[in-house]
Amino acid sequence: MRSRAVCSSVLPFVAGLGVPKFSDDATPTKPLPPRRLNRRKVSFWSSPAACQGHDDSQALSRKRSDDPSHVLQWHRTGGGFVHESIQATQLPGLGWALCTRADIGKDAVLVTTPAKLLWVARECHAPAGVHPLAPGEELPGASMLLRRRLVDAVAKPSPFVKAMQPPGSIPLQLATGSLADGPPESLTAALKGTSLLRHTHSLRTKLLEAVGPELQRADDRQHLWELSVWAQSVIMSRAFKIPKGSDRLVLIPIVDIANHAATHRLANADVRNNADGSVSMVAVRDIAKGEEVRICYGEYTNEQLLFCYGFVIPDNPCQGLVCPLQFPDSPKRSELLHHCLAHRRQLVPHTLPAKAGPLLYRASGTVPCELLLALKVANITETQAAELLEAKSWESSVLDPGPQELVQCLAFLEAWQRELPGRNPAAEVEDFEPCRQLQ
């Protein structure tokens, strides 16, 4: 887990929490934690034993709550399935994780949650103009149905709802504050020198606008506001989009206890949507006895992980920075850019809008050829883009950058430097300590 490598200024945000990644038929968005030990179910729950693979696995714990046994009992009563060789283990200082107590072969079903236990909401559409800094920022005005259900459920919570403790370390939780005074000054101090501060304020504003009518009718507006922030944090940190690419948000008991692997290659399990509406977590390779079950919530940068889940990964192999770059309002050029970037797999848009949107620039210490390519694609004509798409010419000489792209590239990199003030050699490093893991 190597959590000790995280710089001290970031530690207030490094509670473990994570979000599942989805297989070919499910898209990533987030997970869950639990409550007290039912002693009749002790065979499933281990004592704080060591769980192999977590020290060097690039996986971080998502939760620091009580054990998940009440959720498991509720899950089993509702027809859920958990592999007999899977146990919940509390990792010292890191919270609960799913580990194996015997070898498990590839393709084995580890957990299945039936459709009737899923929390589902549709109509999850991002508001216009949302900057998709991280998974979840598009959700505030989009998942009102699920958020309202969560808020309503607090009055008579099931074991699943009781277990929904989002990390208090994610910026949105820290930005709750009072309706009268706004976000606390401690948030500004903690996020000083990062672009997360601006995006956190933006997210809080969008959420406040989304729940405004409900707040006006509420007897205790502050209480409802805090519940709304809690519910939105649950959605950001635990919900899945299933099937992949759909507008269907789903909260999945037990499956979302699995912790995060930094890349799909490091994951040993995946989340899959079944024909009967249930959701399963399946082993994607052989898993050895004592190994932690890990899914990839998405190949996210530390900035994205911190924004949505409240932790960062030291030496994150997916590190990068989000910087604004205008795309042409052109379907063909946007599609071409998608293929070109996927072909090179270094400069990756978080989303590929037809209009303006951000690019995720992964720094490699080399000439930013992928960035130059993206700029070139933005500058060619729609006709040229259509021809290249038809020929699948992802490395055509037409895409070779010229002087215009070089100038734009320099401007982009200057903007990138401004985005992270800690990169400015004239700045005092200690002034931007929270940035250290985001560079």
Protein backbone atom coordinates (compact mmCIF):
# COMPACT_ATOMS: atom_id res chain seq x y z
CA MET A 1 0.00 0.00 0.00
CA ARG A 2 2.94 2.31 0.64
CA SER A 3 0.67 4.95 2.11
CA ARG A 4 3.52 6.29 4.23
CA ALA A 5 5.13 7.64 1.09
CA VAL A 6 2.35 10.18 0.70
CA CYS A 7 3.52 13.64 1.73
CA SER A 8 2.27 14.87 5.10
CA SER A 9 0.35 17.81 3.64
CA VAL A 10 -1.76 15.44 1.56
CA LEU A 11 -2.37 12.97 4.40
CA PRO A 12 -5.56 14.70 5.59
CA PHE A 13 -7.05 13.67 2.24
CA VAL A 14 -5.65 10.15 2.11
CA ALA A 15 -8.35 8.13 3.76
CA GLY A 16 -8.82 5.07 1.63
CA LEU A 17 -11.82 5.02 -0.64
CA GLY A 18 -12.13 3.99 -4.17
CA VAL A 19 -14.24 3.26 -7.18
CA PRO A 20 -14.67 0.27 -9.36
CA LYS A 21 -13.68 0.06 -12.91
CA PHE A 22 -16.07 -1.59 -15.30
CA SER A 23 -15.49 -4.32 -17.77
CA ASP A 24 -16.56 -4.22 -21.40
CA ASP A 25 -20.16 -4.00 -20.28
CA ALA A 26 -19.78 -1.69 -17.30
CA THR A 27 -18.22 1.77 -16.83
CA PRO A 28 -16.36 3.06 -13.72
CA THR A 29 -17.66 5.37 -11.12
CA LYS A 30 -17.32 4.08 -7.43
CA PRO A 31 -17.54 1.77 -4.07
CA LEU A 32 -18.64 1.00 -0.39
CA PRO A 33 -17.70 0.22 3.31
CA PRO A 34 -19.41 -1.63 6.42
CA ARG A 35 -20.49 -2.25 10.15
CA ARG A 36 -20.46 -4.68 13.10
CA LEU A 37 -19.31 -8.29 13.26
CA ASN A 38 -22.04 -10.89 13.28
CA ARG A 39 -20.27 -13.65 15.18
CA ARG A 40 -22.20 -16.40 13.45
CA LYS A 41 -20.59 -15.27 10.21
CA VAL A 42 -17.00 -15.23 11.52
CA SER A 43 -15.89 -17.75 8.89
CA PHE A 44 -16.11 -15.01 6.27
CA TRP A 45 -14.34 -12.34 8.32
CA SER A 46 -10.70 -12.65 9.22
CA SER A 47 -8.89 -11.01 12.10
CA PRO A 48 -6.43 -8.23 11.20
CA ALA A 49 -4.24 -10.72 9.38
CA ALA A 50 -1.76 -9.78 6.70
CA CYS A 51 -3.09 -9.65 3.19
CA GLN A 52 -0.51 -10.39 0.55
CA GLY A 53 0.05 -8.01 -2.28
CA HIS A 54 -1.12 -4.79 -0.70
CA ASP A 55 2.32 -3.36 0.12
CA ASP A 56 3.55 -3.18 -3.45
CA SER A 57 0.26 -3.50 -5.30
CA GLN A 58 -0.39 0.20 -5.96
CA ALA A 59 -3.74 -0.46 -4.27
CA LEU A 60 -5.08 1.78 -1.51
CA SER A 61 -7.84 1.11 0.98
CA ARG A 62 -11.11 2.97 0.46
CA LYS A 63 -12.66 2.87 3.88
CA ARG A 64 -11.96 3.26 7.58
CA SER A 65 -15.38 2.24 8.83
CA ASP A 66 -16.61 -0.68 10.92
CA ASP A 67 -16.55 -4.19 9.49
CA PRO A 68 -18.95 -5.20 6.68
CA SER A 69 -20.66 -8.19 8.33
CA HIS A 70 -24.12 -6.61 8.62
CA VAL A 71 -24.00 -5.74 4.93
CA LEU A 72 -22.88 -9.27 4.08
CA GLN A 73 -25.72 -10.81 6.08
CA TRP A 74 -28.20 -8.49 4.38
CA HIS A 75 -26.58 -9.34 1.02
CA ARG A 76 -26.86 -13.10 1.58
CA THR A 77 -30.43 -12.84 2.83
CA GLY A 78 -31.28 -11.02 -0.38
CA GLY A 79 -29.82 -13.78 -2.56
CA GLY A 80 -26.27 -12.47 -2.95
CA PHE A 81 -23.27 -14.76 -3.46
CA VAL A 82 -19.72 -14.55 -2.09
CA HIS A 83 -17.05 -17.11 -3.04
CA GLU A 84 -16.22 -19.41 -0.12
CA SER A 85 -12.51 -18.52 -0.40
CA ILE A 86 -13.08 -14.77 -0.13
CA GLN A 87 -12.81 -13.14 3.28
CA ALA A 88 -12.90 -9.59 4.56
CA THR A 89 -9.63 -8.60 6.20
CA GLN A 90 -8.90 -5.45 8.13
CA LEU A 91 -5.50 -4.16 7.07
CA PRO A 92 -3.72 -2.29 9.87
CA GLY A 93 -4.26 1.42 9.41
CA LEU A 94 -5.88 0.95 6.02
CA GLY A 95 -9.36 -0.41 6.64
CA TRP A 96 -11.20 -3.38 5.20
CA ALA A 97 -10.27 -5.29 2.07
CA LEU A 98 -11.36 -8.47 0.33
CA CYS A 99 -8.64 -11.15 0.47
CA THR A 100 -8.44 -14.81 -0.49
CA ARG A 101 -7.96 -17.62 2.03
CA ALA A 102 -7.29 -20.17 -0.71
CA ASP A 103 -6.10 -20.10 -4.31
CA ILE A 104 -8.81 -19.00 -6.76
CA GLY A 105 -8.60 -19.67 -10.50
CA LYS A 106 -9.09 -17.28 -13.36
CA ASP A 107 -12.72 -16.59 -14.37
CA ALA A 108 -14.07 -17.64 -10.97
CA VAL A 109 -17.05 -15.61 -9.79
CA LEU A 110 -16.01 -13.89 -6.57
CA VAL A 111 -19.17 -11.94 -5.73
CA THR A 112 -22.60 -11.64 -7.32
CA THR A 113 -25.12 -9.02 -6.23
CA PRO A 114 -28.69 -9.67 -7.47
CA ALA A 115 -30.63 -6.97 -9.29
CA LYS A 116 -33.07 -6.47 -6.41
CA LEU A 117 -30.23 -5.33 -4.12
CA LEU A 118 -28.85 -2.77 -6.54
CA TRP A 119 -29.61 0.92 -6.14
CA VAL A 120 -30.32 2.22 -9.62
CA ALA A 121 -30.99 5.67 -11.03
CA ARG A 122 -31.23 6.76 -14.65
CA GLU A 123 -31.00 10.15 -16.37
CA CYS A 124 -27.40 10.72 -15.38
CA HIS A 125 -26.51 13.49 -17.82
CA ALA A 126 -23.76 16.03 -17.24
CA PRO A 127 -24.83 19.66 -17.06
CA ALA A 128 -23.63 21.85 -19.91
CA GLY A 129 -20.20 23.32 -19.44
CA VAL A 130 -19.02 20.91 -16.76
CA HIS A 131 -15.26 20.49 -16.73
CA PRO A 132 -14.66 16.74 -16.22
CA LEU A 133 -11.63 17.04 -13.99
CA ALA A 134 -12.29 13.68 -12.42
CA PRO A 135 -14.88 10.92 -12.40
CA GLY A 136 -17.83 12.26 -10.51
CA GLU A 137 -17.64 15.98 -11.19
CA GLU A 138 -20.32 15.57 -13.83
CA LEU A 139 -22.73 14.05 -11.30
CA PRO A 140 -24.03 16.91 -9.10
CA GLY A 141 -26.90 18.05 -11.29
CA ALA A 142 -27.32 14.69 -12.95
CA SER A 143 -28.23 12.08 -10.34
CA MET A 144 -31.01 13.79 -8.42
CA LEU A 145 -33.09 10.63 -8.17
CA LEU A 146 -30.34 8.60 -6.54
CA ARG A 147 -29.28 11.46 -4.30
CA ARG A 148 -32.85 12.02 -3.08
CA ARG A 149 -33.25 8.31 -2.40
CA LEU A 150 -30.10 8.32 -0.31
CA VAL A 151 -31.22 11.35 1.68
CA ASP A 152 -34.68 9.85 2.25
CA ALA A 153 -33.20 6.50 3.30
CA VAL A 154 -31.33 8.04 6.22
CA ALA A 155 -34.56 8.16 8.24
CA LYS A 156 -34.84 4.35 8.19
CA PRO A 157 -31.48 3.05 6.96
CA SER A 158 -30.77 -0.50 5.86
CA PRO A 159 -27.39 -2.09 6.70
CA PHE A 160 -26.26 -1.03 3.24
CA VAL A 161 -27.14 2.63 3.85
CA LYS A 162 -25.52 2.57 7.30
CA ALA A 163 -22.33 1.36 5.64
CA MET A 164 -22.23 4.22 3.14
CA GLN A 165 -19.57 6.31 4.75
CA PRO A 166 -17.79 8.30 2.02
CA PRO A 167 -14.26 9.40 2.83
CA GLY A 168 -14.36 12.61 4.83
CA SER A 169 -11.07 13.36 3.10
CA ILE A 170 -12.42 14.10 -0.36
CA PRO A 171 -12.44 17.82 -1.15
CA LEU A 172 -16.23 18.02 -1.51
CA GLN A 173 -16.71 16.73 2.04
CA LEU A 174 -14.15 19.21 3.32
CA ALA A 175 -15.93 22.01 1.45
CA THR A 176 -19.34 21.37 3.05
CA GLY A 177 -19.20 24.31 5.44
CA SER A 178 -22.31 26.23 6.40
CA LEU A 179 -24.87 27.67 4.03
CA ALA A 180 -24.32 31.07 5.60
CA ASP A 181 -20.52 31.19 5.61
CA GLY A 182 -19.58 28.99 2.65
CA PRO A 183 -16.59 26.63 2.43
CA PRO A 184 -14.27 26.66 5.45
CA GLU A 185 -10.91 28.41 5.25
CA SER A 186 -9.21 25.11 6.10
CA LEU A 187 -10.13 23.84 2.64
CA THR A 188 -8.37 26.75 0.97
CA ALA A 189 -5.31 26.20 3.14
CA ALA A 190 -5.22 22.46 2.50
CA LEU A 191 -5.58 22.76 -1.28
CA LYS A 192 -3.36 25.79 -1.69
CA GLY A 193 -1.32 25.55 -4.87
CA THR A 194 -3.53 22.96 -6.58
CA SER A 195 -6.13 23.28 -9.30
CA LEU A 196 -8.35 21.10 -7.10
CA LEU A 197 -9.37 24.16 -5.11
CA ARG A 198 -11.06 25.82 -8.08
CA HIS A 199 -12.78 22.61 -9.15
CA THR A 200 -13.94 21.84 -5.62
CA HIS A 201 -15.55 25.28 -5.30
CA SER A 202 -17.17 24.75 -8.71
CA LEU A 203 -18.50 21.35 -7.69
CA ARG A 204 -19.90 22.72 -4.44
CA THR A 205 -21.64 25.54 -6.31
CA LYS A 206 -23.23 23.12 -8.81
CA LEU A 207 -24.48 20.91 -6.00
CA LEU A 208 -25.89 23.88 -4.12
CA GLU A 209 -27.76 24.99 -7.24
CA ALA A 210 -29.08 21.47 -7.82
CA VAL A 211 -30.56 21.11 -4.32
CA GLY A 212 -31.55 24.77 -3.96
CA PRO A 213 -35.33 24.24 -4.32
CA GLU A 214 -35.27 21.46 -1.71
CA LEU A 215 -33.28 23.63 0.70
CA GLN A 216 -35.84 26.43 0.40
CA ARG A 217 -38.60 24.06 1.55
CA ALA A 218 -36.59 22.40 4.34
CA ASP A 219 -37.16 23.07 8.05
CA ASP A 220 -33.47 22.56 8.78
CA ARG A 221 -31.63 23.79 5.72
CA GLN A 222 -28.13 23.17 7.09
CA HIS A 223 -28.95 19.56 7.98
CA LEU A 224 -30.37 18.90 4.53
CA TRP A 225 -27.32 20.53 2.94
CA GLU A 226 -24.98 18.27 4.89
CA LEU A 227 -27.05 15.22 3.92
CA SER A 228 -26.92 16.31 0.28
CA VAL A 229 -23.13 16.61 0.38
CA TRP A 230 -22.96 13.18 2.01
CA ALA A 231 -25.22 11.67 -0.65
CA GLN A 232 -23.29 13.28 -3.48
CA SER A 233 -20.03 12.05 -1.98
CA VAL A 234 -21.45 8.52 -1.85
CA ILE A 235 -22.37 8.74 -5.52
CA MET A 236 -18.97 10.12 -6.50
CA SER A 237 -17.03 7.54 -4.53
CA ARG A 238 -19.18 4.42 -4.91
CA ALA A 239 -21.49 4.42 -7.93
CA PHE A 240 -21.00 2.46 -11.15
CA LYS A 241 -22.32 3.23 -14.61
CA ILE A 242 -23.74 -0.03 -15.86
CA PRO A 243 -23.90 -0.99 -18.71
CA LYS A 244 -20.79 0.82 -19.87
CA GLY A 245 -21.53 4.17 -21.46
CA SER A 246 -25.12 4.19 -20.26
CA ASP A 247 -26.89 6.81 -18.15
CA ARG A 248 -27.65 4.20 -15.49
CA LEU A 249 -25.98 4.85 -12.12
CA VAL A 250 -25.78 1.85 -9.79
CA LEU A 251 -24.69 1.34 -6.19
CA ILE A 252 -23.50 -2.25 -5.68
CA PRO A 253 -23.25 -3.87 -2.23
CA ILE A 254 -20.18 -6.02 -1.42
CA VAL A 255 -18.66 -5.68 -4.90
CA ASP A 256 -17.50 -2.19 -4.04
CA ILE A 257 -15.53 -3.30 -0.98
CA ALA A 258 -12.72 -4.25 -3.38
CA ASN A 259 -9.82 -1.81 -3.31
CA HIS A 260 -8.13 0.03 -6.15
CA ALA A 261 -5.35 -1.13 -8.46
CA ALA A 262 -3.61 1.72 -10.25
CA THR A 263 -3.93 0.16 -13.71
CA HIS A 264 -6.07 -2.50 -15.37
CA ARG A 265 -2.94 -4.64 -15.75
CA LEU A 266 -2.39 -4.66 -11.97
CA ALA A 267 -6.00 -5.61 -11.20
CA ASN A 268 -6.87 -9.24 -10.53
CA ALA A 269 -10.65 -8.85 -10.76
CA ASP A 270 -13.24 -7.06 -12.84
CA VAL A 271 -16.89 -6.00 -12.49
CA ARG A 272 -19.37 -7.36 -15.02
CA ASN A 273 -23.03 -6.84 -15.81
CA ASN A 274 -25.06 -10.05 -16.15
CA ALA A 275 -27.99 -10.75 -18.45
CA ASP A 276 -30.40 -11.17 -15.52
CA GLY A 277 -29.58 -7.70 -14.21
CA SER A 278 -27.23 -8.86 -11.46
CA VAL A 279 -23.63 -7.68 -11.20
CA SER A 280 -20.62 -9.94 -10.59
CA MET A 281 -16.99 -9.47 -9.69
CA VAL A 282 -14.91 -12.04 -11.55
CA ALA A 283 -11.24 -13.05 -11.28
CA VAL A 284 -9.35 -11.98 -14.42
CA ARG A 285 -6.31 -14.09 -13.50
CA ASP A 286 -5.38 -16.71 -10.92
CA ILE A 287 -5.42 -15.20 -7.42
CA ALA A 288 -3.09 -16.72 -4.83
CA LYS A 289 -4.01 -17.51 -1.24
CA GLY A 290 -3.80 -14.40 0.93
CA GLU A 291 -3.81 -12.00 -2.02
CA GLU A 292 -5.99 -8.90 -1.95
CA VAL A 293 -8.81 -8.69 -4.49
CA ARG A 294 -8.29 -5.49 -6.46
CA ILE A 295 -10.23 -3.88 -9.27
CA CYS A 296 -9.17 -0.83 -11.25
CA TYR A 297 -11.55 2.05 -10.65
CA GLY A 298 -10.02 3.65 -13.72
CA GLU A 299 -6.50 4.62 -14.74
CA TYR A 300 -6.68 7.95 -12.97
CA THR A 301 -4.10 10.54 -12.03
CA ASN A 302 -3.50 11.48 -8.41
CA GLU A 303 -5.43 14.70 -8.99
CA GLN A 304 -8.46 12.72 -10.13
CA LEU A 305 -8.15 10.18 -7.31
CA LEU A 306 -7.82 12.87 -4.67
CA PHE A 307 -10.76 14.81 -6.07
CA CYS A 308 -13.12 11.86 -6.14
CA TYR A 309 -11.83 9.35 -3.60
CA GLY A 310 -9.63 11.18 -1.14
CA PHE A 311 -6.33 9.40 -1.69
CA VAL A 312 -3.26 9.55 -3.90
CA ILE A 313 -0.85 6.85 -5.05
CA PRO A 314 2.88 7.40 -4.63
CA ASP A 315 4.66 6.80 -7.94
CA ASN A 316 1.30 6.58 -9.69
CA PRO A 317 1.95 5.10 -13.17
CA CYS A 318 -1.08 7.00 -14.48
CA GLN A 319 0.16 10.38 -13.36
CA GLY A 320 -0.72 13.37 -15.49
CA LEU A 321 -2.28 16.80 -15.42
CA VAL A 322 -5.56 18.12 -16.73
CA CYS A 323 -5.15 21.25 -18.83
CA PRO A 324 -7.75 23.07 -20.96
CA LEU A 325 -7.35 22.72 -24.71
CA GLN A 326 -10.07 23.77 -27.12
CA PHE A 327 -11.38 21.13 -29.48
CA PRO A 328 -13.06 22.18 -32.71
CA ASP A 329 -16.81 21.85 -32.85
CA SER A 330 -16.33 19.06 -35.32
CA PRO A 331 -17.46 15.42 -35.00
CA LYS A 332 -14.95 14.13 -37.55
CA ARG A 333 -11.98 15.86 -36.00
CA SER A 334 -13.03 14.81 -32.52
CA GLU A 335 -13.36 11.21 -33.68
CA LEU A 336 -9.99 11.36 -35.44
CA LEU A 337 -8.39 12.79 -32.33
CA HIS A 338 -9.87 9.95 -30.29
CA HIS A 339 -8.27 7.34 -32.55
CA CYS A 340 -4.93 9.12 -32.74
CA LEU A 341 -4.67 9.52 -29.00
CA ALA A 342 -5.77 5.96 -28.35
CA HIS A 343 -3.16 4.80 -30.86
CA ARG A 344 -0.40 6.52 -28.88
CA ARG A 345 -1.92 6.19 -25.40
CA GLN A 346 -0.09 9.08 -23.76
CA LEU A 347 -2.23 12.12 -24.27
CA VAL A 348 -5.66 10.98 -23.20
CA PRO A 349 -8.85 13.04 -22.96
CA HIS A 350 -10.93 12.20 -19.92
CA THR A 351 -13.88 12.58 -22.25
CA LEU A 352 -13.99 13.42 -25.93
CA PRO A 353 -16.63 16.09 -26.36
CA ALA A 354 -17.59 17.39 -29.77
CA LYS A 355 -16.98 20.87 -28.41
CA ALA A 356 -14.31 22.38 -26.18
CA GLY A 357 -12.95 20.16 -23.47
CA PRO A 358 -9.87 19.31 -21.43
CA LEU A 359 -6.99 17.04 -22.36
CA LEU A 360 -5.14 14.93 -19.86
CA TYR A 361 -1.46 15.43 -20.62
CA ARG A 362 0.73 12.67 -19.21
CA ALA A 363 4.21 14.09 -18.70
CA SER A 364 7.00 11.76 -19.82
CA GLY A 365 9.99 14.09 -19.88
CA THR A 366 10.19 13.85 -23.65
CA VAL A 367 9.07 16.03 -26.54
CA PRO A 368 5.27 16.26 -26.23
CA CYS A 369 4.60 14.70 -29.63
CA GLU A 370 1.12 13.58 -28.62
CA LEU A 371 0.24 17.11 -27.64
CA LEU A 372 1.52 18.41 -30.97
CA LEU A 373 -0.55 15.75 -32.72
CA ALA A 374 -3.71 16.81 -30.89
CA LEU A 375 -3.10 20.41 -31.85
CA LYS A 376 -2.59 19.39 -35.46
CA VAL A 377 -5.85 17.45 -35.51
CA ALA A 378 -7.61 20.52 -34.15
CA ASN A 379 -6.19 22.58 -37.02
CA ILE A 380 -6.94 20.38 -40.04
CA THR A 381 -10.16 20.63 -42.04
CA GLU A 382 -13.22 18.49 -41.56
CA THR A 383 -12.71 17.00 -45.03
CA GLN A 384 -9.14 15.99 -44.21
CA ALA A 385 -10.31 14.44 -40.96
CA ALA A 386 -12.96 12.40 -42.78
CA GLU A 387 -10.39 11.11 -45.28
CA LEU A 388 -7.96 10.09 -42.55
CA LEU A 389 -10.74 8.36 -40.64
CA GLU A 390 -11.79 6.38 -43.70
CA ALA A 391 -8.19 5.32 -44.38
CA LYS A 392 -7.44 4.75 -40.66
CA SER A 393 -4.27 6.79 -41.17
CA TRP A 394 -3.40 7.50 -37.56
CA GLU A 395 0.23 8.30 -38.48
CA SER A 396 -0.30 10.11 -41.78
CA SER A 397 2.16 12.86 -42.75
CA VAL A 398 -0.87 15.17 -42.86
CA LEU A 399 -0.73 15.01 -39.07
CA ASP A 400 2.90 16.14 -38.84
CA PRO A 401 3.00 19.32 -36.70
CA GLY A 402 4.06 22.64 -38.19
CA PRO A 403 5.03 26.04 -36.79
CA GLN A 404 1.45 26.83 -35.78
CA GLU A 405 1.26 23.73 -33.60
CA LEU A 406 4.67 24.45 -32.05
CA VAL A 407 3.53 27.91 -31.00
CA GLN A 408 0.28 26.53 -29.61
CA CYS A 409 2.18 23.80 -27.79
CA LEU A 410 4.35 26.36 -26.02
CA ALA A 411 1.26 28.30 -25.00
CA PHE A 412 -0.33 25.11 -23.70
CA LEU A 413 2.73 24.20 -21.64
CA GLU A 414 2.82 27.68 -20.16
CA ALA A 415 -0.82 27.28 -19.16
CA TRP A 416 0.06 23.88 -17.72
CA GLN A 417 2.79 25.45 -15.61
CA ARG A 418 0.31 28.00 -14.30
CA GLU A 419 -2.10 25.20 -13.46
CA LEU A 420 0.43 23.80 -11.00
CA PRO A 421 2.24 26.70 -9.37
CA GLY A 422 4.54 24.24 -7.62
CA ARG A 423 6.28 23.78 -10.96
CA ASN A 424 7.35 27.41 -10.97
CA PRO A 425 11.03 27.40 -9.93
CA ALA A 426 10.59 30.89 -8.47
CA ALA A 427 7.93 29.65 -6.06
CA GLU A 428 8.66 28.32 -2.62
CA VAL A 429 8.14 24.54 -2.62
CA GLU A 430 6.66 24.51 0.86
CA ASP A 431 3.96 26.93 -0.28
CA PHE A 432 2.62 24.22 -2.57
CA GLU A 433 3.31 21.11 -0.53
CA PRO A 434 -0.09 19.52 -1.35
CA CYS A 435 1.00 19.58 -5.00
CA ARG A 436 4.00 17.40 -4.43
CA GLN A 437 2.14 14.16 -5.15
CA LEU A 438 0.20 15.75 -7.99
CA GLN A 439 3.22 16.58 -10.15
